Amino acid sequence: MGTQRILVTGYGPFGTHDTNPSQEVALRLRGMHRVSDSSGSVTQEFEITSRILSVDRSGATETSKAILSGERWDAILHIGLCGSCERPRLEQRAQDHLDMRIQDNSGRAVKSSKIGGHGHLGSWMDLGNWTQSSLPTPVDISHDAGSFVCNETYYHTLHALQSVHEGNLPPPCLFLHIPSEDRLDVETSSHLAMQCLENMLALRERSVIEVVAALIHNEDGRVLLAQRSDDETWEFPGGKCEPGEPWKEAVVRELHEELSVRIEAKRIVGTWEHRRNEVLLRIHLVECSIIGGSVQIDTKVHGDVRWYDPSLPEPLNWTGRDGEMMEYLALHESMPC
């Protein structure tokens, strides 16, 4: 794949903190890196650009503005300090929520406000499938990136990447929260950041099939499900992305082909990996709305449809990990944003 371009960001000190380890970690990683296998052959080669973001709105939007103005990277890793964390956190999603307990470095203290109004944005990686034993220290997988500048940065970057990209999915992007230096030394945090990047780049090289699944709510907050004709399991309607087909176009096409409806694709809610018949599927749950037509079943694909209430779970025979996806909705997305 040649040398890949990586962006790593950290922050300067803020609040009562005299230092910020995310700044030192980001600066340590800049430059050329090569990853070799057991035989000594180079398997990955990448160049890291490090940027230190200001702890304010300007810093939170710096990366997204760069993306929208045409800058491109093969992966983006944001690193921030979580002063209350006992161990690092890999953030699975960015919340559309800003509620600052302290002022940022510009004196801003936004309370109970949406960041963009697009709804919470999930990363298009299944972090739960990362092998913890390959990481230099235990980590937590988090669905709550906070409500300060770190979360604001992650949100703007994910939204910009979803808006402007080539191929099925945008390049991988992750926010890594690291504890203070008295809980985890900078050297270990740096090793962890490097391993995260290697995992992110490996995702781009693995042989997977990208799948889109539509999350459609009705006025009562219930979710549209379809029953597969072949095994009678229940799933979110959708299907495979064609080579090079963007995720938004794929879910629009699939819903029109299978259910005869015209939809608008809005955001990636989350991603789950599932192995079926020796094939690894990466399933992206996409919030959509019906803008035309009425649901009609293609009996070659689906035998039935129904509206399901995530807050009132029922014992259904689920396809793959769709049951886990529904549980996620009940915990984090009970109603559309």
C-alpha atoms as a PDB file:
ATOM      1  CA  MET A   1       0.000   0.000   0.000  1.00  0.00           C
ATOM      2  CA  GLY A   2       3.044   2.282   0.162  1.00  0.00           C
ATOM      3  CA  THR A   3       3.715   4.827   2.869  1.00  0.00           C
ATOM      4  CA  GLN A   4       0.527   5.825   4.624  1.00  0.00           C
ATOM      5  CA  ARG A   5      -0.115   9.276   6.039  1.00  0.00           C
ATOM      6  CA  ILE A   6      -1.291   9.463   9.645  1.00  0.00           C
ATOM      7  CA  LEU A   7      -2.462  12.425  11.703  1.00  0.00           C
ATOM      8  CA  VAL A   8      -1.968  12.280  15.477  1.00  0.00           C
ATOM      9  CA  THR A   9      -3.148  15.126  17.680  1.00  0.00           C
ATOM     10  CA  GLY A  10      -2.740  16.031  21.336  1.00  0.00           C
ATOM     11  CA  TYR A  11      -3.653  19.047  23.481  1.00  0.00           C
ATOM     12  CA  GLY A  12      -1.843  21.630  25.546  1.00  0.00           C
ATOM     13  CA  PRO A  13      -2.501  22.076  29.294  1.00  0.00           C
ATOM     14  CA  PHE A  14      -5.957  23.192  30.428  1.00  0.00           C
ATOM     15  CA  GLY A  15      -7.837  23.955  33.626  1.00  0.00           C
ATOM     16  CA  THR A  16      -5.750  23.127  36.698  1.00  0.00           C
ATOM     17  CA  HIS A  17      -3.323  20.928  34.727  1.00  0.00           C
ATOM     18  CA  ASP A  18       0.191  22.340  34.317  1.00  0.00           C
ATOM     19  CA  THR A  19       1.058  19.718  31.705  1.00  0.00           C
ATOM     20  CA  ASN A  20      -0.845  17.477  29.309  1.00  0.00           C
ATOM     21  CA  PRO A  21       0.645  14.050  28.525  1.00  0.00           C
ATOM     22  CA  SER A  22      -1.335  13.851  25.268  1.00  0.00           C
ATOM     23  CA  GLN A  23       0.892  16.621  23.908  1.00  0.00           C
ATOM     24  CA  GLU A  24       4.087  14.721  24.708  1.00  0.00           C
ATOM     25  CA  VAL A  25       2.715  11.446  23.306  1.00  0.00           C
ATOM     26  CA  ALA A  26       1.642  13.090  20.051  1.00  0.00           C
ATOM     27  CA  LEU A  27       5.016  14.762  19.587  1.00  0.00           C
ATOM     28  CA  ARG A  28       6.890  11.536  20.370  1.00  0.00           C
ATOM     29  CA  LEU A  29       5.109   9.712  17.560  1.00  0.00           C
ATOM     30  CA  ARG A  30       5.819  12.090  14.702  1.00  0.00           C
ATOM     31  CA  GLY A  31       8.025  10.902  11.856  1.00  0.00           C
ATOM     32  CA  MET A  32       8.445   7.707   9.842  1.00  0.00           C
ATOM     33  CA  HIS A  33       7.562   4.295  11.291  1.00  0.00           C
ATOM     34  CA  ARG A  34       7.894   0.755   9.971  1.00  0.00           C
ATOM     35  CA  VAL A  35       6.226  -2.395  11.290  1.00  0.00           C
ATOM     36  CA  SER A  36       7.869  -5.738  10.520  1.00  0.00           C
ATOM     37  CA  ASP A  37       6.676  -9.325  10.878  1.00  0.00           C
ATOM     38  CA  SER A  38       8.620 -12.189  12.504  1.00  0.00           C
ATOM     39  CA  SER A  39      10.704 -12.674   9.346  1.00  0.00           C
ATOM     40  CA  GLY A  40      11.792  -9.051   9.324  1.00  0.00           C
ATOM     41  CA  SER A  41       9.691  -8.082   6.311  1.00  0.00           C
ATOM     42  CA  VAL A  42       8.106  -4.638   6.534  1.00  0.00           C
ATOM     43  CA  THR A  43       4.324  -5.032   6.729  1.00  0.00           C
ATOM     44  CA  GLN A  44       3.400  -1.390   7.327  1.00  0.00           C
ATOM     45  CA  GLU A  45       5.147   1.906   6.647  1.00  0.00           C
ATOM     46  CA  PHE A  46       3.600   5.164   7.750  1.00  0.00           C
ATOM     47  CA  GLU A  47       4.501   8.766   8.376  1.00  0.00           C
ATOM     48  CA  ILE A  48       2.943  10.540  11.343  1.00  0.00           C
ATOM     49  CA  THR A  49       2.191  14.238  11.347  1.00  0.00           C
ATOM     50  CA  SER A  50       1.697  15.521  14.903  1.00  0.00           C
ATOM     51  CA  ARG A  51      -0.420  18.555  15.729  1.00  0.00           C
ATOM     52  CA  ILE A  52      -1.138  20.086  19.122  1.00  0.00           C
ATOM     53  CA  LEU A  53      -4.671  21.424  19.331  1.00  0.00           C
ATOM     54  CA  SER A  54      -5.773  24.360  21.454  1.00  0.00           C
ATOM     55  CA  VAL A  55      -8.290  23.533  24.184  1.00  0.00           C
ATOM     56  CA  ASP A  56     -11.111  25.618  22.766  1.00  0.00           C
ATOM     57  CA  ARG A  57     -13.500  25.688  19.822  1.00  0.00           C
ATOM     58  CA  SER A  58     -10.693  26.566  17.401  1.00  0.00           C
ATOM     59  CA  GLY A  59      -8.784  23.445  18.403  1.00  0.00           C
ATOM     60  CA  ALA A  60     -11.934  21.309  18.350  1.00  0.00           C
ATOM     61  CA  THR A  61     -12.671  22.249  14.740  1.00  0.00           C
ATOM     62  CA  GLU A  62      -9.097  22.448  13.398  1.00  0.00           C
ATOM     63  CA  THR A  63      -8.989  18.883  12.063  1.00  0.00           C
ATOM     64  CA  SER A  64     -12.481  18.923  10.593  1.00  0.00           C
ATOM     65  CA  LYS A  65     -11.770  22.185   8.781  1.00  0.00           C
ATOM     66  CA  ALA A  66      -8.576  20.678   7.362  1.00  0.00           C
ATOM     67  CA  ILE A  67     -10.545  17.664   6.078  1.00  0.00           C
ATOM     68  CA  LEU A  68     -13.242  19.821   4.514  1.00  0.00           C
ATOM     69  CA  SER A  69     -10.569  21.989   2.867  1.00  0.00           C
ATOM     70  CA  GLY A  70      -9.005  18.952   1.187  1.00  0.00           C
ATOM     71  CA  GLU A  71      -6.383  17.469   3.532  1.00  0.00           C
ATOM     72  CA  ARG A  72      -6.402  13.651   3.522  1.00  0.00           C
ATOM     73  CA  TRP A  73      -4.924  11.041   5.865  1.00  0.00           C
ATOM     74  CA  ASP A  74      -5.076   7.256   5.932  1.00  0.00           C
ATOM     75  CA  ALA A  75      -5.918   7.305   9.647  1.00  0.00           C
ATOM     76  CA  ILE A  76      -6.492   9.888  12.378  1.00  0.00           C
ATOM     77  CA  LEU A  77      -5.766   9.381  16.080  1.00  0.00           C
ATOM     78  CA  HIS A  78      -6.829  12.056  18.545  1.00  0.00           C
ATOM     79  CA  ILE A  79      -5.279  11.754  22.009  1.00  0.00           C
ATOM     80  CA  GLY A  80      -6.559  13.566  25.079  1.00  0.00           C
ATOM     81  CA  LEU A  81      -6.130  13.602  28.848  1.00  0.00           C
ATOM     82  CA  CYS A  82      -8.784  12.074  31.089  1.00  0.00           C
ATOM     83  CA  GLY A  83      -7.756  13.230  34.544  1.00  0.00           C
ATOM     84  CA  SER A  84     -10.345  11.050  36.316  1.00  0.00           C
ATOM     85  CA  CYS A  85      -9.512   7.829  34.413  1.00  0.00           C
ATOM     86  CA  GLU A  86      -7.671   4.966  36.095  1.00  0.00           C
ATOM     87  CA  ARG A  87      -6.689   3.472  32.735  1.00  0.00           C
ATOM     88  CA  PRO A  88      -6.891   4.434  29.044  1.00  0.00           C
ATOM     89  CA  ARG A  89     -10.198   4.545  27.182  1.00  0.00           C
ATOM     90  CA  LEU A  90     -10.834   3.838  23.523  1.00  0.00           C
ATOM     91  CA  GLU A  91     -13.816   5.961  22.552  1.00  0.00           C
ATOM     92  CA  GLN A  92     -16.322   4.100  20.354  1.00  0.00           C
ATOM     93  CA  ARG A  93     -18.476   7.157  19.686  1.00  0.00           C
ATOM     94  CA  ALA A  94     -18.705  10.936  19.957  1.00  0.00           C
ATOM     95  CA  GLN A  95     -21.780  12.410  21.605  1.00  0.00           C
ATOM     96  CA  ASP A  96     -23.708  15.284  20.090  1.00  0.00           C
ATOM     97  CA  HIS A  97     -23.532  16.981  23.452  1.00  0.00           C
ATOM     98  CA  LEU A  98     -21.473  19.750  25.029  1.00  0.00           C
ATOM     99  CA  ASP A  99     -21.796  20.473  28.749  1.00  0.00           C
ATOM    100  CA  MET A 100     -18.633  22.002  30.197  1.00  0.00           C
ATOM    101  CA  ARG A 101     -17.995  21.748  33.932  1.00  0.00           C
ATOM    102  CA  ILE A 102     -15.018  24.112  33.564  1.00  0.00           C
ATOM    103  CA  GLN A 103     -14.122  26.805  31.077  1.00  0.00           C
ATOM    104  CA  ASP A 104     -11.969  25.947  28.103  1.00  0.00           C
ATOM    105  CA  ASN A 105      -8.818  27.951  27.482  1.00  0.00           C
ATOM    106  CA  SER A 106     -10.762  30.675  25.689  1.00  0.00           C
ATOM    107  CA  GLY A 107     -13.079  31.179  28.669  1.00  0.00           C
ATOM    108  CA  ARG A 108     -15.968  29.373  26.960  1.00  0.00           C
ATOM    109  CA  ALA A 109     -18.293  27.318  29.209  1.00  0.00           C
ATOM    110  CA  VAL A 110     -21.119  25.904  27.070  1.00  0.00           C
ATOM    111  CA  LYS A 111     -23.932  24.213  29.001  1.00  0.00           C
ATOM    112  CA  SER A 112     -26.345  21.502  27.774  1.00  0.00           C
ATOM    113  CA  SER A 113     -25.930  22.207  24.073  1.00  0.00           C
ATOM    114  CA  LYS A 114     -25.797  20.077  20.936  1.00  0.00           C
ATOM    115  CA  ILE A 115     -22.569  20.237  18.958  1.00  0.00           C
ATOM    116  CA  GLY A 116     -23.926  19.794  15.444  1.00  0.00           C
ATOM    117  CA  GLY A 117     -27.469  18.496  15.799  1.00  0.00           C
ATOM    118  CA  HIS A 118     -26.709  15.440  13.655  1.00  0.00           C
ATOM    119  CA  GLY A 119     -27.021  12.875  16.465  1.00  0.00           C
ATOM    120  CA  HIS A 120     -24.290  10.880  18.188  1.00  0.00           C
ATOM    121  CA  LEU A 121     -21.633   9.593  15.769  1.00  0.00           C
ATOM    122  CA  GLY A 122     -20.103   6.132  16.035  1.00  0.00           C
ATOM    123  CA  SER A 123     -16.653   5.134  14.862  1.00  0.00           C
ATOM    124  CA  TRP A 124     -16.729   2.691  11.920  1.00  0.00           C
ATOM    125  CA  MET A 125     -14.466   0.257  13.780  1.00  0.00           C
ATOM    126  CA  ASP A 126     -15.510  -2.543  16.133  1.00  0.00           C
ATOM    127  CA  LEU A 127     -13.133  -1.784  18.999  1.00  0.00           C
ATOM    128  CA  GLY A 128     -14.594  -4.630  21.046  1.00  0.00           C
ATOM    129  CA  ASN A 129     -12.934  -7.074  18.631  1.00  0.00           C
ATOM    130  CA  TRP A 130      -9.449  -5.691  19.212  1.00  0.00           C
ATOM    131  CA  THR A 131      -7.225  -8.221  20.970  1.00  0.00           C
ATOM    132  CA  GLN A 132      -6.533  -6.738  24.407  1.00  0.00           C
ATOM    133  CA  SER A 133      -3.482  -8.975  24.893  1.00  0.00           C
ATOM    134  CA  SER A 134      -1.750  -7.146  22.016  1.00  0.00           C
ATOM    135  CA  LEU A 135      -1.981  -3.821  23.869  1.00  0.00           C
ATOM    136  CA  PRO A 136       0.750  -2.776  26.340  1.00  0.00           C
ATOM    137  CA  THR A 137      -1.758  -1.959  29.102  1.00  0.00           C
ATOM    138  CA  PRO A 138      -5.419  -2.787  29.869  1.00  0.00           C
ATOM    139  CA  VAL A 139      -7.938  -0.406  28.297  1.00  0.00           C
ATOM    140  CA  ASP A 140     -11.649   0.313  28.576  1.00  0.00           C
ATOM    141  CA  ILE A 141     -13.969   0.522  25.584  1.00  0.00           C
ATOM    142  CA  SER A 142     -16.115   3.601  26.150  1.00  0.00           C
ATOM    143  CA  HIS A 143     -19.286   4.978  24.546  1.00  0.00           C
ATOM    144  CA  ASP A 144     -19.009   8.249  26.457  1.00  0.00           C
ATOM    145  CA  ALA A 145     -16.231  10.574  25.296  1.00  0.00           C
ATOM    146  CA  GLY A 146     -17.357  13.195  27.805  1.00  0.00           C
ATOM    147  CA  SER A 147     -18.868  16.583  27.080  1.00  0.00           C
ATOM    148  CA  PHE A 148     -15.774  18.780  26.893  1.00  0.00           C
ATOM    149  CA  VAL A 149     -13.382  19.731  24.069  1.00  0.00           C
ATOM    150  CA  CYS A 150     -12.125  16.145  23.543  1.00  0.00           C
ATOM    151  CA  ASN A 151     -15.603  14.921  22.644  1.00  0.00           C
ATOM    152  CA  GLU A 152     -16.227  18.079  20.614  1.00  0.00           C
ATOM    153  CA  THR A 153     -13.064  17.447  18.565  1.00  0.00           C
ATOM    154  CA  TYR A 154     -13.972  13.807  17.945  1.00  0.00           C
ATOM    155  CA  TYR A 155     -17.496  14.749  16.894  1.00  0.00           C
ATOM    156  CA  HIS A 156     -16.413  17.354  14.363  1.00  0.00           C
ATOM    157  CA  THR A 157     -13.760  15.044  12.883  1.00  0.00           C
ATOM    158  CA  LEU A 158     -16.120  12.076  12.517  1.00  0.00           C
ATOM    159  CA  HIS A 159     -18.766  14.280  10.908  1.00  0.00           C
ATOM    160  CA  ALA A 160     -16.280  15.778   8.444  1.00  0.00           C
ATOM    161  CA  LEU A 161     -14.944  12.338   7.515  1.00  0.00           C
ATOM    162  CA  GLN A 162     -18.462  11.019   6.926  1.00  0.00           C
ATOM    163  CA  SER A 163     -19.174  14.032   4.726  1.00  0.00           C
ATOM    164  CA  VAL A 164     -16.051  13.849   2.544  1.00  0.00           C
ATOM    165  CA  HIS A 165     -14.427  10.536   1.636  1.00  0.00           C
ATOM    166  CA  GLU A 166     -13.754   8.085  -1.181  1.00  0.00           C
ATOM    167  CA  GLY A 167     -14.599   4.381  -1.260  1.00  0.00           C
ATOM    168  CA  ASN A 168     -16.993   2.468   0.986  1.00  0.00           C
ATOM    169  CA  LEU A 169     -16.020   4.053   4.310  1.00  0.00           C
ATOM    170  CA  PRO A 170     -13.868   6.968   5.459  1.00  0.00           C
ATOM    171  CA  PRO A 171     -10.375   6.253   6.827  1.00  0.00           C
ATOM    172  CA  PRO A 172     -10.366   5.016  10.448  1.00  0.00           C
ATOM    173  CA  CYS A 173     -10.514   7.616  13.188  1.00  0.00           C
ATOM    174  CA  LEU A 174     -10.210   7.058  16.936  1.00  0.00           C
ATOM    175  CA  PHE A 175     -10.085   9.102  20.112  1.00  0.00           C
ATOM    176  CA  LEU A 176      -7.764   7.719  22.801  1.00  0.00           C
ATOM    177  CA  HIS A 177      -8.157   9.080  26.315  1.00  0.00           C
ATOM    178  CA  ILE A 178      -5.060   8.528  28.462  1.00  0.00           C
ATOM    179  CA  PRO A 179      -4.812   8.928  32.259  1.00  0.00           C
ATOM    180  CA  SER A 180      -2.534  11.385  34.001  1.00  0.00           C
ATOM    181  CA  GLU A 181       1.169  10.521  34.245  1.00  0.00           C
ATOM    182  CA  ASP A 182       0.895   9.425  37.882  1.00  0.00           C
ATOM    183  CA  ARG A 183      -1.383   6.590  36.713  1.00  0.00           C
ATOM    184  CA  LEU A 184       0.276   5.731  33.380  1.00  0.00           C
ATOM    185  CA  ASP A 185       3.692   6.857  32.236  1.00  0.00           C
ATOM    186  CA  VAL A 186       4.109   8.633  28.905  1.00  0.00           C
ATOM    187  CA  GLU A 187       6.245   5.806  27.525  1.00  0.00           C
ATOM    188  CA  THR A 188       3.443   3.257  27.966  1.00  0.00           C
ATOM    189  CA  SER A 189       0.848   5.709  26.633  1.00  0.00           C
ATOM    190  CA  SER A 190       3.035   6.192  23.556  1.00  0.00           C
ATOM    191  CA  HIS A 191       3.315   2.441  23.001  1.00  0.00           C
ATOM    192  CA  LEU A 192      -0.451   2.136  23.343  1.00  0.00           C
ATOM    193  CA  ALA A 193      -1.029   4.899  20.789  1.00  0.00           C
ATOM    194  CA  MET A 194       1.307   3.176  18.334  1.00  0.00           C
ATOM    195  CA  GLN A 195      -0.490  -0.155  18.774  1.00  0.00           C
ATOM    196  CA  CYS A 196      -3.829   1.578  18.198  1.00  0.00           C
ATOM    197  CA  LEU A 197      -2.482   2.983  14.930  1.00  0.00           C
ATOM    198  CA  GLU A 198      -1.198  -0.419  13.827  1.00  0.00           C
ATOM    199  CA  ASN A 199      -4.634  -1.919  14.529  1.00  0.00           C
ATOM    200  CA  MET A 200      -6.351   0.891  12.640  1.00  0.00           C
ATOM    201  CA  LEU A 201      -4.127   0.459   9.592  1.00  0.00           C
ATOM    202  CA  ALA A 202      -4.565  -3.322   9.719  1.00  0.00           C
ATOM    203  CA  LEU A 203      -8.322  -2.752   9.385  1.00  0.00           C
ATOM    204  CA  ARG A 204      -7.722  -1.176   5.979  1.00  0.00           C
ATOM    205  CA  GLU A 205      -5.690  -4.159   4.811  1.00  0.00           C
ATOM    206  CA  ARG A 206      -7.903  -6.989   6.078  1.00  0.00           C
ATOM    207  CA  SER A 207     -10.194  -8.815   3.678  1.00  0.00           C
ATOM    208  CA  VAL A 208     -13.665  -7.868   4.877  1.00  0.00           C
ATOM    209  CA  ILE A 209     -17.059  -7.186   3.378  1.00  0.00           C
ATOM    210  CA  GLU A 210     -18.570  -3.838   4.312  1.00  0.00           C
ATOM    211  CA  VAL A 211     -22.291  -4.105   5.108  1.00  0.00           C
ATOM    212  CA  VAL A 212     -24.799  -1.329   5.778  1.00  0.00           C
ATOM    213  CA  ALA A 213     -27.865  -1.835   7.972  1.00  0.00           C
ATOM    214  CA  ALA A 214     -30.646   0.748   8.142  1.00  0.00           C
ATOM    215  CA  LEU A 215     -31.881   2.130  11.459  1.00  0.00           C
ATOM    216  CA  ILE A 216     -35.338   3.532  10.712  1.00  0.00           C
ATOM    217  CA  HIS A 217     -37.647   4.793  13.452  1.00  0.00           C
ATOM    218  CA  ASN A 218     -41.377   5.407  13.212  1.00  0.00           C
ATOM    219  CA  GLU A 219     -43.211   8.170  15.074  1.00  0.00           C
ATOM    220  CA  ASP A 220     -43.450   5.992  18.196  1.00  0.00           C
ATOM    221  CA  GLY A 221     -39.707   5.391  18.311  1.00  0.00           C
ATOM    222  CA  ARG A 222     -40.010   1.779  17.176  1.00  0.00           C
ATOM    223  CA  VAL A 223     -37.442   0.340  14.765  1.00  0.00           C
ATOM    224  CA  LEU A 224     -38.032  -1.364  11.413  1.00  0.00           C
ATOM    225  CA  LEU A 225     -36.880  -5.002  11.262  1.00  0.00           C
ATOM    226  CA  ALA A 226     -37.012  -7.515   8.432  1.00  0.00           C
ATOM    227  CA  GLN A 227     -37.098 -11.323   8.592  1.00  0.00           C
ATOM    228  CA  ARG A 228     -34.701 -13.162   6.301  1.00  0.00           C
ATOM    229  CA  SER A 229     -36.349 -15.633   3.933  1.00  0.00           C
ATOM    230  CA  ASP A 230     -33.538 -18.197   4.098  1.00  0.00           C
ATOM    231  CA  ASP A 231     -33.301 -18.787   7.860  1.00  0.00           C
ATOM    232  CA  GLU A 232     -36.206 -16.731   9.303  1.00  0.00           C
ATOM    233  CA  THR A 233     -33.920 -14.669  11.522  1.00  0.00           C
ATOM    234  CA  TRP A 234     -34.621 -10.989  12.182  1.00  0.00           C
ATOM    235  CA  GLU A 235     -32.282  -8.182  11.147  1.00  0.00           C
ATOM    236  CA  PHE A 236     -31.969  -4.516  10.349  1.00  0.00           C
ATOM    237  CA  PRO A 237     -32.638  -4.279   6.588  1.00  0.00           C
ATOM    238  CA  GLY A 238     -29.655  -3.573   4.360  1.00  0.00           C
ATOM    239  CA  GLY A 239     -26.890  -5.349   2.500  1.00  0.00           C
ATOM    240  CA  LYS A 240     -23.359  -5.318   1.141  1.00  0.00           C
ATOM    241  CA  CYS A 241     -21.566  -2.296  -0.261  1.00  0.00           C
ATOM    242  CA  GLU A 242     -20.481  -2.711  -3.855  1.00  0.00           C
ATOM    243  CA  PRO A 243     -16.739  -2.166  -4.547  1.00  0.00           C
ATOM    244  CA  GLY A 244     -16.010   1.529  -4.087  1.00  0.00           C
ATOM    245  CA  GLU A 245     -19.661   2.349  -3.316  1.00  0.00           C
ATOM    246  CA  PRO A 246     -19.992   4.895  -0.469  1.00  0.00           C
ATOM    247  CA  TRP A 247     -21.951   3.723   2.569  1.00  0.00           C
ATOM    248  CA  LYS A 248     -24.689   6.323   2.067  1.00  0.00           C
ATOM    249  CA  GLU A 249     -25.317   5.255  -1.527  1.00  0.00           C
ATOM    250  CA  ALA A 250     -25.211   1.571  -0.562  1.00  0.00           C
ATOM    251  CA  VAL A 251     -27.908   1.779   2.095  1.00  0.00           C
ATOM    252  CA  VAL A 252     -30.142   3.893  -0.183  1.00  0.00           C
ATOM    253  CA  ARG A 253     -29.776   1.338  -2.981  1.00  0.00           C
ATOM    254  CA  GLU A 254     -30.336  -1.693  -0.738  1.00  0.00           C
ATOM    255  CA  LEU A 255     -33.509  -0.334   0.861  1.00  0.00           C
ATOM    256  CA  HIS A 256     -34.950   0.565  -2.530  1.00  0.00           C
ATOM    257  CA  GLU A 257     -34.146  -2.888  -3.932  1.00  0.00           C
ATOM    258  CA  GLU A 258     -35.389  -4.863  -0.934  1.00  0.00           C
ATOM    259  CA  LEU A 259     -38.251  -2.786   0.494  1.00  0.00           C
ATOM    260  CA  SER A 260     -39.183  -0.386  -2.371  1.00  0.00           C
ATOM    261  CA  VAL A 261     -38.669   2.724  -0.233  1.00  0.00           C
ATOM    262  CA  ARG A 262     -36.612   5.850  -0.859  1.00  0.00           C
ATOM    263  CA  ILE A 263     -34.555   6.828   2.155  1.00  0.00           C
ATOM    264  CA  GLU A 264     -32.123   9.483   3.302  1.00  0.00           C
ATOM    265  CA  ALA A 265     -28.984   8.196   5.049  1.00  0.00           C
ATOM    266  CA  LYS A 266     -27.925  10.437   7.935  1.00  0.00           C
ATOM    267  CA  ARG A 267     -25.135   9.063  10.141  1.00  0.00           C
ATOM    268  CA  ILE A 268     -23.206   5.972  11.190  1.00  0.00           C
ATOM    269  CA  VAL A 269     -24.500   4.956  14.612  1.00  0.00           C
ATOM    270  CA  GLY A 270     -21.970   2.183  15.246  1.00  0.00           C
ATOM    271  CA  THR A 271     -20.143  -0.789  13.762  1.00  0.00           C
ATOM    272  CA  TRP A 272     -20.142  -4.501  14.620  1.00  0.00           C
ATOM    273  CA  GLU A 273     -18.050  -7.271  13.074  1.00  0.00           C
ATOM    274  CA  HIS A 274     -19.552 -10.692  12.435  1.00  0.00           C
ATOM    275  CA  ARG A 275     -18.139 -13.820  10.804  1.00  0.00           C
ATOM    276  CA  ARG A 276     -20.532 -15.711   8.539  1.00  0.00           C
ATOM    277  CA  ASN A 277     -19.452 -18.774   6.542  1.00  0.00           C
ATOM    278  CA  GLU A 278     -15.749 -17.912   6.992  1.00  0.00           C
ATOM    279  CA  VAL A 279     -16.348 -14.381   5.700  1.00  0.00           C
ATOM    280  CA  LEU A 280     -15.803 -11.396   7.994  1.00  0.00           C
ATOM    281  CA  LEU A 281     -18.615  -8.868   7.722  1.00  0.00           C
ATOM    282  CA  ARG A 282     -18.225  -5.358   9.109  1.00  0.00           C
ATOM    283  CA  ILE A 283     -21.776  -4.139   9.706  1.00  0.00           C
ATOM    284  CA  HIS A 284     -22.380  -0.393   9.924  1.00  0.00           C
ATOM    285  CA  LEU A 285     -25.688   0.657  11.476  1.00  0.00           C
ATOM    286  CA  VAL A 286     -26.875   3.776   9.647  1.00  0.00           C
ATOM    287  CA  GLU A 287     -29.665   6.053  10.842  1.00  0.00           C
ATOM    288  CA  CYS A 288     -32.053   6.672   7.939  1.00  0.00           C
ATOM    289  CA  SER A 289     -35.448   8.208   7.302  1.00  0.00           C
ATOM    290  CA  ILE A 290     -38.030   7.181   4.712  1.00  0.00           C
ATOM    291  CA  ILE A 291     -38.659  10.018   2.251  1.00  0.00           C
ATOM    292  CA  GLY A 292     -40.796   8.195  -0.315  1.00  0.00           C
ATOM    293  CA  GLY A 293     -42.673   5.003  -1.079  1.00  0.00           C
ATOM    294  CA  SER A 294     -44.180   2.406   1.240  1.00  0.00           C
ATOM    295  CA  VAL A 295     -42.582  -0.758   2.550  1.00  0.00           C
ATOM    296  CA  GLN A 296     -43.052  -3.697   0.175  1.00  0.00           C
ATOM    297  CA  ILE A 297     -41.260  -7.005   0.708  1.00  0.00           C
ATOM    298  CA  ASP A 298     -39.064  -8.702  -1.868  1.00  0.00           C
ATOM    299  CA  THR A 299     -39.958 -12.282  -0.882  1.00  0.00           C
ATOM    300  CA  LYS A 300     -36.680 -13.600  -2.314  1.00  0.00           C
ATOM    301  CA  VAL A 301     -34.909 -11.686   0.465  1.00  0.00           C
ATOM    302  CA  HIS A 302     -37.379 -11.150   3.310  1.00  0.00           C
ATOM    303  CA  GLY A 303     -40.431 -13.025   4.530  1.00  0.00           C
ATOM    304  CA  ASP A 304     -41.830 -10.361   6.844  1.00  0.00           C
ATOM    305  CA  VAL A 305     -41.249  -6.943   8.404  1.00  0.00           C
ATOM    306  CA  ARG A 306     -42.228  -5.488  11.768  1.00  0.00           C
ATOM    307  CA  TRP A 307     -41.733  -2.487  14.026  1.00  0.00           C
ATOM    308  CA  TYR A 308     -39.804  -3.294  17.204  1.00  0.00           C
ATOM    309  CA  ASP A 309     -39.553  -1.294  20.449  1.00  0.00           C
ATOM    310  CA  PRO A 310     -35.934  -1.350  21.728  1.00  0.00           C
ATOM    311  CA  SER A 311     -37.112  -0.408  25.225  1.00  0.00           C
ATOM    312  CA  LEU A 312     -39.326  -3.540  25.396  1.00  0.00           C
ATOM    313  CA  PRO A 313     -37.012  -6.397  24.354  1.00  0.00           C
ATOM    314  CA  GLU A 314     -38.568  -9.563  22.943  1.00  0.00           C
ATOM    315  CA  PRO A 315     -36.976 -13.013  22.471  1.00  0.00           C
ATOM    316  CA  LEU A 316     -36.416 -12.939  18.713  1.00  0.00           C
ATOM    317  CA  ASN A 317     -34.189 -15.210  16.639  1.00  0.00           C
ATOM    318  CA  TRP A 318     -31.629 -12.624  15.525  1.00  0.00           C
ATOM    319  CA  THR A 319     -29.323 -12.585  12.525  1.00  0.00           C
ATOM    320  CA  GLY A 320     -25.653 -12.455  13.535  1.00  0.00           C
ATOM    321  CA  ARG A 321     -25.069  -9.641  16.040  1.00  0.00           C
ATOM    322  CA  ASP A 322     -28.260  -7.718  15.291  1.00  0.00           C
ATOM    323  CA  GLY A 323     -29.564  -8.531  18.766  1.00  0.00           C
ATOM    324  CA  GLU A 324     -26.508  -6.839  20.299  1.00  0.00           C
ATOM    325  CA  MET A 325     -27.083  -3.882  18.015  1.00  0.00           C
ATOM    326  CA  MET A 326     -30.642  -3.602  19.319  1.00  0.00           C
ATOM    327  CA  GLU A 327     -29.392  -3.764  22.916  1.00  0.00           C
ATOM    328  CA  TYR A 328     -27.013  -0.931  22.104  1.00  0.00           C
ATOM    329  CA  LEU A 329     -29.934   1.157  20.842  1.00  0.00           C
ATOM    330  CA  ALA A 330     -31.876   0.512  24.047  1.00  0.00           C
ATOM    331  CA  LEU A 331     -28.911   1.753  26.124  1.00  0.00           C
ATOM    332  CA  HIS A 332     -27.645   4.643  24.008  1.00  0.00           C
ATOM    333  CA  GLU A 333     -30.155   5.544  21.301  1.00  0.00           C
ATOM    334  CA  SER A 334     -33.626   4.970  22.722  1.00  0.00           C
ATOM    335  CA  MET A 335     -35.071   7.639  20.436  1.00  0.00           C
ATOM    336  CA  PRO A 336     -33.684   9.222  17.257  1.00  0.00           C
ATOM    337  CA  CYS A 337     -31.523  12.286  17.948  1.00  0.00           C
END
